[in-house]
């Protein structure tokens, strides 16, 4: 199966957005951030595999720290 890229979207607090921003850069994922009040909205152009890895990062690193 081809690695088809599609757009995925997420909005995070500025603190958590910094973490995701670094993760996406480190993993060479194309993304477009935009500010939305106290939040940062990300449009990420990813394969399903990249999305699953990013979701794992968010769960294991970002959201776990918020608990």
Protein backbone atom coordinates (compact mmCIF):
# COMPACT_ATOMS: atom_id res chain seq x y z
CA UNK A 1 0.00 0.00 0.00
CA UNK A 2 1.29 3.46 -0.85
CA UNK A 3 2.18 5.93 1.85
CA UNK A 4 -0.51 8.45 1.03
CA UNK A 5 -0.24 11.74 2.89
CA UNK A 6 -3.30 13.59 4.09
CA UNK A 7 -3.86 16.59 6.34
CA UNK A 8 -4.43 16.08 10.06
CA UNK A 9 -5.29 18.89 12.46
CA UNK A 10 -4.78 19.60 16.15
CA UNK A 11 -4.86 22.62 18.48
CA UNK A 12 -2.67 22.72 21.59
CA UNK A 13 -1.70 25.13 24.34
CA UNK A 14 1.43 27.12 23.54
CA UNK A 15 3.53 25.03 25.96
CA UNK A 16 2.42 21.74 24.41
CA UNK A 17 2.66 23.22 20.91
CA UNK A 18 6.37 23.84 21.48
CA UNK A 19 6.83 20.13 22.22
CA UNK A 20 4.88 19.02 19.15
CA UNK A 21 6.69 21.59 17.00
CA UNK A 22 10.07 20.11 18.03
CA UNK A 23 8.81 16.55 17.46
CA UNK A 24 7.52 17.32 13.97
CA UNK A 25 10.75 19.07 12.99
CA UNK A 26 12.88 16.22 14.37
CA UNK A 27 10.83 13.73 12.34
CA UNK A 28 10.77 15.76 9.11
CA UNK A 29 6.98 16.06 9.07
CA UNK A 30 5.60 18.95 7.03
CA UNK A 31 3.31 21.16 9.11
CA UNK A 32 1.84 24.63 9.15
CA UNK A 33 1.25 26.21 12.58
CA UNK A 34 -1.02 29.18 13.18
CA UNK A 35 -1.88 31.03 16.36
CA UNK A 36 -5.43 30.91 17.64
CA UNK A 37 -5.71 32.98 20.82
CA UNK A 38 -3.98 31.03 23.61
CA UNK A 39 -3.63 28.00 21.37
CA UNK A 40 -1.57 26.97 18.37
CA UNK A 41 -3.35 25.16 15.55
CA UNK A 42 -1.31 22.65 13.53
CA UNK A 43 -2.09 21.44 10.04
CA UNK A 44 0.14 18.39 9.53
CA UNK A 45 0.66 16.62 6.21
CA UNK A 46 1.30 13.01 7.25
CA UNK A 47 1.00 9.37 6.41
CA UNK A 48 -1.07 7.19 8.74
CA UNK A 49 2.18 5.77 10.13
CA UNK A 50 3.47 9.27 10.94
CA UNK A 51 0.10 10.14 12.50
CA UNK A 52 0.18 7.07 14.73
CA UNK A 53 3.74 7.91 15.85
CA UNK A 54 2.76 11.53 16.55
CA UNK A 55 -0.30 10.40 18.52
CA UNK A 56 1.93 8.08 20.57
CA UNK A 57 4.30 10.99 21.22
CA UNK A 58 1.40 13.20 22.30
CA UNK A 59 0.05 10.50 24.61
CA UNK A 60 3.40 9.43 26.08
CA UNK A 61 5.09 12.82 26.40
CA UNK A 62 2.67 15.71 26.16
CA UNK A 63 -0.53 14.47 27.78
CA UNK A 64 1.23 12.30 30.38
CA UNK A 65 2.96 15.43 31.72
CA UNK A 66 -0.44 17.10 32.13
CA UNK A 67 -1.71 14.34 34.45
